[in-house]
Protein backbone atom coordinates (compact mmCIF):
# COMPACT_ATOMS: atom_id res chain seq x y z
CA MET A 1 105.74 113.83 97.32
CA LYS A 2 104.11 110.45 96.87
CA ILE A 3 101.30 110.78 94.33
CA LEU A 4 98.75 108.14 93.35
CA LEU A 5 96.72 108.59 90.14
CA LEU A 6 93.61 106.42 89.85
CA ALA A 7 91.38 105.56 86.87
CA MET A 8 87.93 104.22 87.71
CA PRO A 9 86.96 100.55 87.23
CA ASP A 10 83.74 101.13 85.27
CA ALA A 11 83.77 99.92 81.67
CA ALA A 12 80.87 99.25 79.33
CA ASN A 13 80.58 95.49 79.53
CA ASN A 14 79.89 94.78 75.86
CA PHE A 15 83.56 94.42 74.91
CA HIS A 16 85.08 93.27 78.18
CA ARG A 17 86.10 89.93 76.65
CA ILE A 18 87.81 91.69 73.77
CA ILE A 19 89.65 94.79 74.94
CA LYS A 20 90.95 96.44 78.12
CA VAL A 21 92.14 100.01 77.55
CA PRO A 22 94.56 101.96 79.77
CA ASN A 23 94.10 105.58 80.84
CA LEU A 24 96.78 107.37 78.81
CA GLY A 25 95.93 110.78 80.27
CA LEU A 26 97.24 109.78 83.70
CA CYS A 27 100.55 108.70 82.14
CA SER A 28 100.77 112.06 80.38
CA ILE A 29 100.21 113.87 83.68
CA ALA A 30 102.77 111.63 85.42
CA ALA A 31 105.42 112.67 82.89
CA ASN A 32 105.09 116.25 84.14
CA LEU A 33 105.44 115.32 87.82
CA THR A 34 109.20 115.05 87.82
CA ASN A 35 111.02 114.68 91.16
CA HIS A 36 107.96 113.04 92.68
CA GLN A 37 107.16 109.39 93.35
CA VAL A 38 104.16 108.71 91.11
CA ARG A 39 102.10 105.54 90.85
CA ILE A 40 99.24 104.93 88.39
CA ALA A 41 96.48 102.36 88.89
CA ASP A 42 93.80 101.55 86.31
CA LEU A 43 91.21 99.93 88.54
CA VAL A 44 89.52 98.34 85.51
CA LEU A 45 92.23 95.67 85.85
CA VAL A 46 91.39 95.00 89.49
CA HIS A 47 87.72 94.42 88.61
CA LYS A 48 86.78 92.54 91.81
CA ASN A 49 87.65 93.10 95.47
CA ILE A 50 88.63 96.69 94.67
CA ARG A 51 88.30 97.78 98.29
CA LEU A 52 90.75 95.13 99.49
CA TRP A 53 93.22 95.93 96.71
CA LEU A 54 93.09 99.66 97.50
CA LYS A 55 93.43 99.06 101.23
CA GLU A 56 96.62 97.06 100.74
CA PHE A 57 98.11 99.45 98.20
CA LEU A 58 97.25 102.64 100.11
CA THR A 59 98.65 101.20 103.33
CA GLU A 60 101.91 100.26 101.64
CA PHE A 61 102.40 103.33 99.42
CA ASN A 62 100.93 105.97 101.77
CA PRO A 63 100.41 108.76 99.18
CA GLY A 64 100.26 112.43 100.10
CA LEU A 65 98.10 113.30 97.09
CA ILE A 66 95.53 111.13 95.27
CA GLY A 67 94.29 112.16 91.83
CA ILE A 68 91.07 110.58 90.61
CA SER A 69 90.01 110.68 86.95
CA SER A 70 86.32 110.11 86.23
CA MET A 71 83.89 110.14 83.34
CA SER A 72 80.26 110.99 84.15
CA PHE A 73 79.12 107.36 84.27
CA GLN A 74 82.05 106.56 86.59
CA TYR A 75 81.35 109.24 89.19
CA LYS A 76 79.41 106.89 91.49
CA SER A 77 82.50 104.67 91.60
CA ALA A 78 84.69 107.73 92.14
CA LEU A 79 82.71 108.52 95.30
CA GLU A 80 83.24 104.96 96.54
CA VAL A 81 86.96 105.16 95.78
CA ILE A 82 87.24 108.51 97.58
CA SER A 83 85.56 106.99 100.65
CA ILE A 84 88.06 104.11 100.66
CA CYS A 85 90.96 106.54 100.27
CA ARG A 86 89.70 108.63 103.19
CA GLU A 87 89.64 105.50 105.33
CA PHE A 88 93.06 104.08 104.49
CA ALA A 89 95.01 107.22 103.50
CA SER A 90 93.38 109.75 105.78
CA GLU A 91 96.18 112.33 105.54
CA ALA A 92 96.18 112.41 101.72
CA LYS A 93 94.65 115.29 99.80
CA ILE A 94 92.24 114.20 97.07
CA VAL A 95 91.80 115.95 93.73
CA LEU A 96 89.13 115.08 91.16
CA GLY A 97 89.73 115.57 87.43
CA GLY A 98 88.63 114.35 84.03
CA TYR A 99 85.60 115.00 81.86
CA HIS A 100 82.98 114.93 84.61
CA ALA A 101 84.91 117.28 86.87
CA SER A 102 85.47 119.67 83.98
CA LEU A 103 81.92 119.73 82.65
CA ALA A 104 79.90 119.46 85.87
CA PHE A 105 82.14 121.32 88.32
CA ALA A 106 79.44 123.79 89.38
CA GLU A 107 77.06 121.03 90.46
CA LEU A 108 79.84 119.02 92.11
CA THR A 109 81.04 121.88 94.31
CA CYS A 110 77.76 123.37 95.49
CA GLY A 111 75.51 122.36 98.37
CA ASN A 112 76.88 119.88 100.87
CA ALA A 113 80.65 119.71 101.29
CA PRO A 114 82.09 117.66 98.38
CA PRO A 115 84.12 114.59 99.35
CA PHE A 116 87.26 115.80 97.52
CA ASP A 117 89.63 118.59 98.51
CA PHE A 118 90.30 119.99 95.04
CA LEU A 119 88.89 119.77 91.53
CA VAL A 120 90.87 120.38 88.34
CA ARG A 121 89.02 121.52 85.22
CA GLY A 122 90.39 120.85 81.76
CA GLU A 123 93.85 119.51 80.95
CA GLY A 124 95.85 118.32 83.93
CA GLU A 125 99.43 118.12 82.63
CA LEU A 126 100.37 121.57 83.99
CA ALA A 127 97.56 122.09 86.50
CA LEU A 128 98.39 119.09 88.70
CA PRO A 129 102.12 119.91 89.03
CA ALA A 130 101.06 123.48 89.92
CA LEU A 131 98.73 122.11 92.61
CA VAL A 132 101.61 120.04 94.03
CA GLU A 133 103.71 123.22 94.20
CA ALA A 134 100.89 124.93 96.06
CA LEU A 135 100.61 122.05 98.52
CA GLU A 136 104.35 122.31 99.12
CA GLY A 137 104.09 126.08 99.65
CA ALA A 138 105.86 127.13 96.46
CA ARG A 139 102.86 128.96 94.97
CA GLU A 140 99.39 130.19 95.93
CA PHE A 141 96.33 128.03 95.32
CA ALA A 142 94.78 131.03 93.54
CA ALA A 143 97.55 130.79 90.94
CA VAL A 144 96.81 127.20 89.89
CA PRO A 145 95.03 127.23 86.50
CA GLY A 146 91.63 125.54 86.35
CA LEU A 147 91.65 124.72 90.06
CA SER A 148 88.49 124.68 92.18
CA TRP A 149 89.41 124.86 95.87
CA LEU A 150 87.87 125.48 99.23
CA ARG A 151 88.29 129.04 100.51
CA GLU A 152 86.45 130.32 103.58
CA GLY A 153 84.01 127.43 103.49
CA LEU A 154 83.06 127.79 99.81
CA PHE A 155 84.62 126.50 96.63
CA SER A 156 86.45 129.14 94.62
CA HIS A 157 86.97 128.54 90.89
CA ASN A 158 90.23 129.82 89.42
CA PRO A 159 90.23 130.94 85.77
CA PRO A 160 90.71 128.05 83.33
CA GLY A 161 94.19 127.33 82.11
CA GLU A 162 95.23 128.09 78.57
CA ILE A 163 94.87 125.34 75.98
CA LEU A 164 98.18 123.48 76.09
CA ASP A 165 100.74 123.45 73.31
CA VAL A 166 100.96 119.66 73.07
CA LYS A 167 104.25 119.90 71.16
CA GLN A 168 105.83 120.97 74.45
CA LEU A 169 104.61 117.93 76.39
CA PRO A 170 107.05 115.12 77.22
CA LEU A 171 106.33 111.54 76.26
CA PRO A 172 103.88 109.77 78.58
CA ASP A 173 105.45 108.06 81.56
CA ARG A 174 104.05 104.54 81.72
CA ASN A 175 106.67 103.33 84.20
CA GLY A 176 104.51 104.34 87.15
CA ARG A 177 101.79 101.82 86.30
CA VAL A 178 101.27 99.27 89.04
CA LEU A 179 98.88 97.31 86.78
CA ASP A 180 99.76 96.69 83.15
CA ARG A 181 97.73 93.81 81.70
CA PHE A 182 95.95 95.68 78.93
CA THR A 183 94.95 93.46 76.01
CA TYR A 184 93.13 93.30 72.70
CA PHE A 185 92.13 89.72 71.81
CA ASN A 186 94.71 88.58 74.37
CA ARG A 187 97.47 90.58 72.66
CA LYS A 188 99.38 93.16 74.73
CA MET A 189 98.02 96.60 73.88
CA ASP A 190 98.62 100.23 74.73
CA CYS A 191 97.51 103.70 73.62
CA VAL A 192 99.11 106.61 71.80
CA GLU A 193 97.79 110.14 71.30
CA THR A 194 98.92 111.90 68.10
CA SER A 195 96.55 114.91 68.30
CA ARG A 196 94.09 116.40 70.73
CA GLY A 197 90.74 118.15 70.33
CA CYS A 198 88.15 118.54 67.58
CA THR A 199 86.66 121.53 65.76
CA MET A 200 83.43 119.81 64.66
CA PRO A 201 80.15 121.13 66.19
CA CYS A 202 78.50 117.77 67.00
CA THR A 203 75.82 118.46 69.62
CA PHE A 204 76.19 115.11 71.41
CA CYS A 205 79.92 115.38 72.08
CA SER A 206 81.77 116.51 75.24
CA ILE A 207 85.11 117.28 73.58
CA ASN A 208 84.43 120.97 72.89
CA GLY A 209 83.37 121.42 76.49
CA MET A 210 86.69 119.96 77.61
CA TYR A 211 89.10 121.60 75.16
CA GLY A 212 87.13 124.26 73.31
CA SER A 213 87.11 124.19 69.53
CA SER A 214 90.77 123.30 69.08
CA PHE A 215 92.84 120.79 67.13
CA ARG A 216 96.45 120.38 68.21
CA CYS A 217 98.94 117.93 66.76
CA TYR A 218 102.07 116.37 68.16
CA SER A 219 105.04 116.23 65.80
CA ILE A 220 105.34 113.04 63.75
CA ASP A 221 108.81 112.47 65.24
CA ARG A 222 107.36 112.62 68.75
CA VAL A 223 104.66 110.08 67.88
CA ILE A 224 107.23 107.74 66.31
CA ALA A 225 109.39 108.01 69.44
CA ASP A 226 106.39 107.00 71.55
CA LEU A 227 105.62 104.07 69.25
CA LYS A 228 109.24 102.92 69.47
CA GLU A 229 108.91 102.94 73.25
CA LEU A 230 105.78 100.80 73.03
CA HIS A 231 107.55 98.40 70.67
CA ARG A 232 110.40 98.14 73.18
CA ARG A 233 107.84 97.29 75.87
CA GLY A 234 106.50 94.39 73.80
CA THR A 235 103.26 96.02 72.70
CA GLU A 236 101.43 94.16 69.93
CA THR A 237 98.35 96.36 69.43
CA VAL A 238 98.22 100.17 69.54
CA LEU A 239 95.00 102.14 69.95
CA LEU A 240 95.24 105.73 68.70
CA VAL A 241 93.03 107.71 71.07
CA ASP A 242 92.86 110.99 69.11
CA ASP A 243 89.56 112.84 69.29
CA ASN A 244 89.44 113.35 65.50
CA ILE A 245 92.70 112.37 63.80
CA THR A 246 91.20 112.74 60.31
CA LEU A 247 90.74 116.50 60.63
CA ASP A 248 94.14 116.53 58.88
CA ALA A 249 94.05 113.54 56.55
CA ALA A 250 97.36 114.42 54.88
CA ARG A 251 99.12 114.42 58.25
CA PHE A 252 97.51 111.09 59.14
CA ARG A 253 98.85 109.61 55.89
CA GLU A 254 102.28 111.05 56.71
CA LEU A 255 102.11 109.30 60.09
CA ALA A 256 101.15 105.98 58.46
CA GLU A 257 104.09 106.28 56.07
CA ALA A 258 106.42 107.11 58.98
CA ILE A 259 105.23 103.95 60.76
CA ILE A 260 106.18 101.93 57.69
CA LYS A 261 109.50 103.72 57.22
CA ASN A 262 110.50 103.06 60.84
CA GLY A 263 109.57 99.38 60.70
CA LEU A 264 106.81 99.79 63.27
CA ASN A 265 104.11 98.12 61.18
CA GLY A 266 104.77 94.84 62.96
CA MET A 267 102.40 96.20 65.59
CA GLU A 268 98.73 96.46 64.61
CA TYR A 269 96.81 99.71 64.93
CA LEU A 270 93.23 100.64 65.81
CA VAL A 271 91.83 104.13 65.30
CA GLN A 272 88.66 106.23 65.37
CA ALA A 273 87.94 108.28 62.25
CA SER A 274 85.30 110.52 60.72
CA VAL A 275 83.61 109.47 57.50
CA ALA A 276 84.44 112.64 55.59
CA GLY A 277 88.00 112.81 56.87
CA ILE A 278 89.10 109.29 56.05
CA ILE A 279 88.24 109.67 52.35
CA ASN A 280 89.51 113.24 52.09
CA ASP A 281 92.93 111.99 50.96
CA PRO A 282 92.63 109.20 48.34
CA GLU A 283 95.99 107.71 49.39
CA LEU A 284 95.18 107.57 53.10
CA ILE A 285 93.39 104.23 53.36
CA PRO A 286 95.97 102.30 51.26
CA SER A 287 98.70 103.81 53.45
CA LEU A 288 96.83 102.73 56.58
CA ALA A 289 96.61 99.18 55.25
CA ARG A 290 100.37 99.07 54.61
CA ALA A 291 101.02 100.44 58.10
CA ASN A 292 98.96 97.55 59.54
CA PHE A 293 95.88 99.46 60.66
CA THR A 294 93.53 96.53 61.17
CA MET A 295 90.37 98.24 62.42
CA VAL A 296 88.77 101.68 62.07
CA PHE A 297 85.92 102.88 64.27
CA LEU A 298 83.94 104.94 61.79
CA GLY A 299 81.70 107.67 63.24
CA ILE A 300 78.64 107.25 61.02
CA GLU A 301 76.13 108.30 63.71
CA ALA A 302 73.01 108.64 61.54
CA VAL A 303 71.50 107.52 58.23
CA GLN A 304 68.44 109.79 58.00
CA THR A 305 68.70 113.38 56.80
CA LYS A 306 66.77 114.73 59.80
CA ASN A 307 69.16 113.12 62.28
CA LEU A 308 72.28 114.14 60.36
CA GLN A 309 70.95 117.70 60.56
CA PHE A 310 70.14 117.27 64.26
CA PHE A 311 73.76 116.24 64.93
CA GLN A 312 75.04 118.98 62.60
CA LYS A 313 76.93 116.34 60.61
CA GLY A 314 75.92 117.26 57.05
CA ASP A 315 74.77 114.68 54.51
CA ILE A 316 77.54 112.07 54.57
CA ARG A 317 75.56 109.04 53.37
CA GLU A 318 77.31 108.69 50.02
CA LYS A 319 80.69 109.25 51.68
CA THR A 320 79.84 106.59 54.26
CA GLU A 321 79.33 103.96 51.55
CA GLN A 322 82.57 105.02 49.93
CA ALA A 323 84.55 104.94 53.19
CA VAL A 324 83.28 101.51 54.28
CA GLY A 325 83.90 100.05 50.83
CA LEU A 326 87.46 101.39 50.63
CA LEU A 327 88.34 100.17 54.12
CA ARG A 328 86.99 96.68 53.51
CA ASN A 329 88.62 96.45 50.08
CA ASN A 330 91.95 97.25 51.74
CA GLY A 331 91.49 94.53 54.36
CA ILE A 332 90.67 96.87 57.25
CA ALA A 333 87.83 95.96 59.60
CA VAL A 334 85.05 98.51 60.10
CA MET A 335 83.38 99.14 63.43
CA GLY A 336 80.45 101.39 62.57
CA GLY A 337 79.22 103.82 65.22
CA PHE A 338 75.51 104.71 65.08
CA ILE A 339 73.26 106.71 67.44
CA ILE A 340 69.53 106.10 67.86
CA GLY A 341 66.90 107.62 70.14
CA ASN A 342 66.91 111.08 68.57
CA PRO A 343 63.88 113.32 69.31
CA ASP A 344 61.82 112.42 66.23
CA ASP A 345 62.90 108.78 65.90
CA THR A 346 60.13 106.31 65.13
CA SER A 347 60.33 102.52 65.22
CA GLU A 348 60.99 102.50 61.49
CA ASP A 349 63.78 105.07 61.81
CA ILE A 350 65.60 102.82 64.28
CA ARG A 351 65.09 99.73 62.15
CA GLU A 352 66.50 101.68 59.21
CA VAL A 353 69.76 102.23 61.13
CA PHE A 354 70.23 98.49 61.59
CA LYS A 355 69.27 97.84 57.97
CA ALA A 356 71.94 100.33 56.92
CA ALA A 357 74.54 98.51 59.04
CA ARG A 358 73.69 95.26 57.24
CA LYS A 359 73.65 96.88 53.80
CA LEU A 360 77.01 98.57 54.42
CA ARG A 361 78.46 95.21 55.59
CA ILE A 362 79.80 96.70 58.82
CA ASP A 363 82.01 94.11 60.53
CA LEU A 364 81.04 95.24 64.02
CA PRO A 365 77.96 97.47 64.41
CA TYR A 366 78.18 99.72 67.47
CA VAL A 367 74.74 101.18 68.08
CA GLN A 368 74.28 103.49 71.05
CA CYS A 369 71.36 105.51 72.37
CA VAL A 370 71.74 109.28 72.38
CA THR A 371 72.94 110.19 75.88
CA PRO A 372 72.49 113.62 77.53
CA TYR A 373 75.99 113.91 78.95
CA PRO A 374 76.63 116.89 81.26
CA GLY A 375 78.07 119.89 79.45
CA THR A 376 76.72 118.98 76.01
CA ARG A 377 74.32 121.04 73.93
CA ILE A 378 72.18 117.99 73.30
CA ARG A 379 71.51 117.69 77.05
CA GLU A 380 70.14 121.22 77.14
CA GLU A 381 67.97 120.60 74.07
CA LEU A 382 66.57 117.27 75.31
CA LEU A 383 65.89 118.61 78.81
CA GLU A 384 64.05 121.59 77.35
CA ALA A 385 61.98 119.25 75.18
CA GLY A 386 61.15 117.04 78.19
CA LEU A 387 62.70 113.96 76.56
CA VAL A 388 65.23 112.99 79.26
CA THR A 389 63.81 110.20 81.41
CA ASN A 390 66.80 109.86 83.74
CA THR A 391 68.47 113.12 84.71
CA ASP A 392 70.34 112.08 87.85
CA ASP A 393 71.65 108.48 87.81
CA LEU A 394 74.72 109.09 85.69
CA SER A 395 75.99 105.54 86.24
CA ARG A 396 73.49 104.60 83.51
CA TYR A 397 75.03 107.06 81.04
CA THR A 398 77.10 104.42 79.25
CA GLY A 399 75.60 104.91 75.80
CA PHE A 400 74.14 101.41 75.82
CA ILE A 401 71.31 102.15 78.26
CA CYS A 402 68.50 104.43 77.08
CA ASN A 403 68.01 107.47 79.31
CA VAL A 404 65.67 109.32 76.94
CA ARG A 405 62.44 108.86 75.08
CA THR A 406 61.48 110.16 71.66
CA ARG A 407 58.34 112.00 70.60
CA HIS A 408 57.02 108.66 69.31
CA LEU A 409 58.53 106.04 71.65
CA THR A 410 58.57 105.68 75.42
CA ASN A 411 61.85 104.92 77.14
CA LEU A 412 60.81 101.26 77.55
CA GLN A 413 59.80 100.92 73.91
CA LEU A 414 63.04 102.55 72.77
CA ASN A 415 65.21 100.32 74.90
CA ARG A 416 63.45 97.13 73.86
CA LEU A 417 63.54 98.05 70.18
CA MET A 418 67.25 98.86 70.37
CA ASN A 419 68.00 95.52 72.04
CA TRP A 420 65.75 93.50 69.75
CA GLU A 421 67.36 94.92 66.62
CA ASN A 422 70.79 94.26 68.11
CA ILE A 423 69.78 90.66 68.83
CA LYS A 424 68.59 90.23 65.25
CA ILE A 425 71.80 91.56 63.74
CA PHE A 426 74.29 89.89 66.07
CA PHE A 427 72.64 86.49 66.02
CA SER A 428 72.08 86.42 62.28
CA PRO A 429 74.30 84.03 60.25
CA ALA A 430 74.75 86.89 57.77
CA MET A 431 76.65 88.79 60.46
CA PHE A 432 79.44 86.20 60.26
CA MET A 433 79.59 85.84 56.49
CA ASP A 434 82.59 87.64 55.04
CA ASN A 435 83.15 89.22 58.43
CA TYR A 436 86.68 90.50 59.06
CA PHE A 437 87.06 88.69 62.36
CA VAL A 438 85.94 85.40 60.81
CA ARG A 439 88.18 85.82 57.76
CA LYS A 440 91.18 86.55 59.98
CA ARG A 441 90.30 83.53 62.12
CA GLU A 442 90.11 85.70 65.19
CA LYS A 443 88.45 84.27 68.26
CA GLY A 444 86.70 87.61 68.25
CA ALA A 445 83.63 86.35 66.42
CA LEU A 446 82.83 83.94 69.26
CA LYS A 447 83.64 86.55 71.90
CA VAL A 448 81.34 89.10 70.29
CA LEU A 449 78.58 86.48 70.18
CA LEU A 450 79.06 85.57 73.85
CA ASN A 451 79.04 89.22 74.91
CA ASN A 452 75.81 89.90 73.10
CA PHE A 453 73.78 87.37 75.07
CA GLU A 454 73.60 90.37 77.41
CA LEU A 455 71.15 91.90 74.93
CA PHE A 456 68.47 89.40 75.99
CA ARG A 457 68.81 90.60 79.58
CA GLY A 458 68.68 94.18 78.36
CA TRP A 459 65.40 93.57 76.52
CA PHE A 460 63.73 92.70 79.84
CA THR A 461 65.57 95.00 82.28
CA GLY A 462 66.88 97.96 80.27
CA ASP A 463 70.13 97.53 82.20
CA GLN A 464 72.40 95.94 79.62
CA PHE A 465 76.18 96.07 79.54
CA ARG A 466 76.58 97.46 83.06
CA SER A 467 80.10 97.28 84.38
CA ARG A 468 80.60 94.16 86.48
CA HIS A 469 83.28 95.51 88.80
CA ARG A 470 82.89 94.89 92.53
CA PHE A 471 84.14 96.84 95.51
């Protein structure tokens, strides 16, 4: 069967000059679709004239099955893509998957007839091949794990599939990509997954809704084999896309040492880490530096006790200072992730977050507004408290647009304060003093500055960093 897997074009516009990230999940699914002709298209690389590009590709390839992966803020685009596919590949069956399908399946399959034929909840590596078998008559639709399908005019929801043993998964198949111009500061980049899932109880996160409270690791040898394949393909930058790699700090250090041992530290590495996890092993950060990890996205989230408690993070303020200091002292850039707009936030609370970013000497502050994503506990809590100001237009759920108010600030006040404080920090000369990107003579400092002119527009419109793709 000819199978087309599509990732949506939406991307938060604040880093579009800096990084373009591929959808690794589709490559992982493709590796399990043996004996089929699979093509993968990340529409973020098409960007403009998406309808024309899809028309030409669908007409030429003529797929029998189209799989569409969508986050919540991308679902509006997913509907547009489905409409185009119906027009130019009318015989193809369409299946929706990804986070939004998994966490909002009940809403997506009730009421008027949904535009897709099937919906897959949870991990797709085994579910999609099983659906293909069902389409070819080799198994019953009722036997496909996690499948939602139309039966007698109504959608029937099969039991969810078991959490996968990732050690049994083959290496991702990137050969099916029809677009492959992913970059980080104009250097060829790609992604690797070394573990999947997270056991932390953070109320704002969708991961537990997708995978349950699980943490599963690939073998180090398997990760090294994948990195060798990327090196062979000419990759210069590798983004580790693990949900929480530092849940096992000793294993992470072992991976860093394996990178060094195998001579793979000629590629640079980017990773997301928790504050507590990255300092849990005192030898981890020095090992990361030797392995050529050049930037860590550090999930700081909050600086006030009340908000750390609200997120169920524990008091990590002292550990945050320690983690940032150790990373910077080892020559690793720190992107600091913060969340504002929590229920009891005042103007001073939000200013304190930006003050903390300056005091910590974060190289790239990444401040988002708490977002009530479908399937998260925080959505339920904020809806019950009457603090969600936009419940339906999920295209605004990017993290950079405020969709809530606090008990002390209106939505407009919150959005303007967030943008004003961002303007102050990003356009301050102090931001560029001893900054990693300046010290390394990256063009990134200028690119970050150019991107953040968008904050002025956001102050007036509350619509900052919207994806600029065009159909």
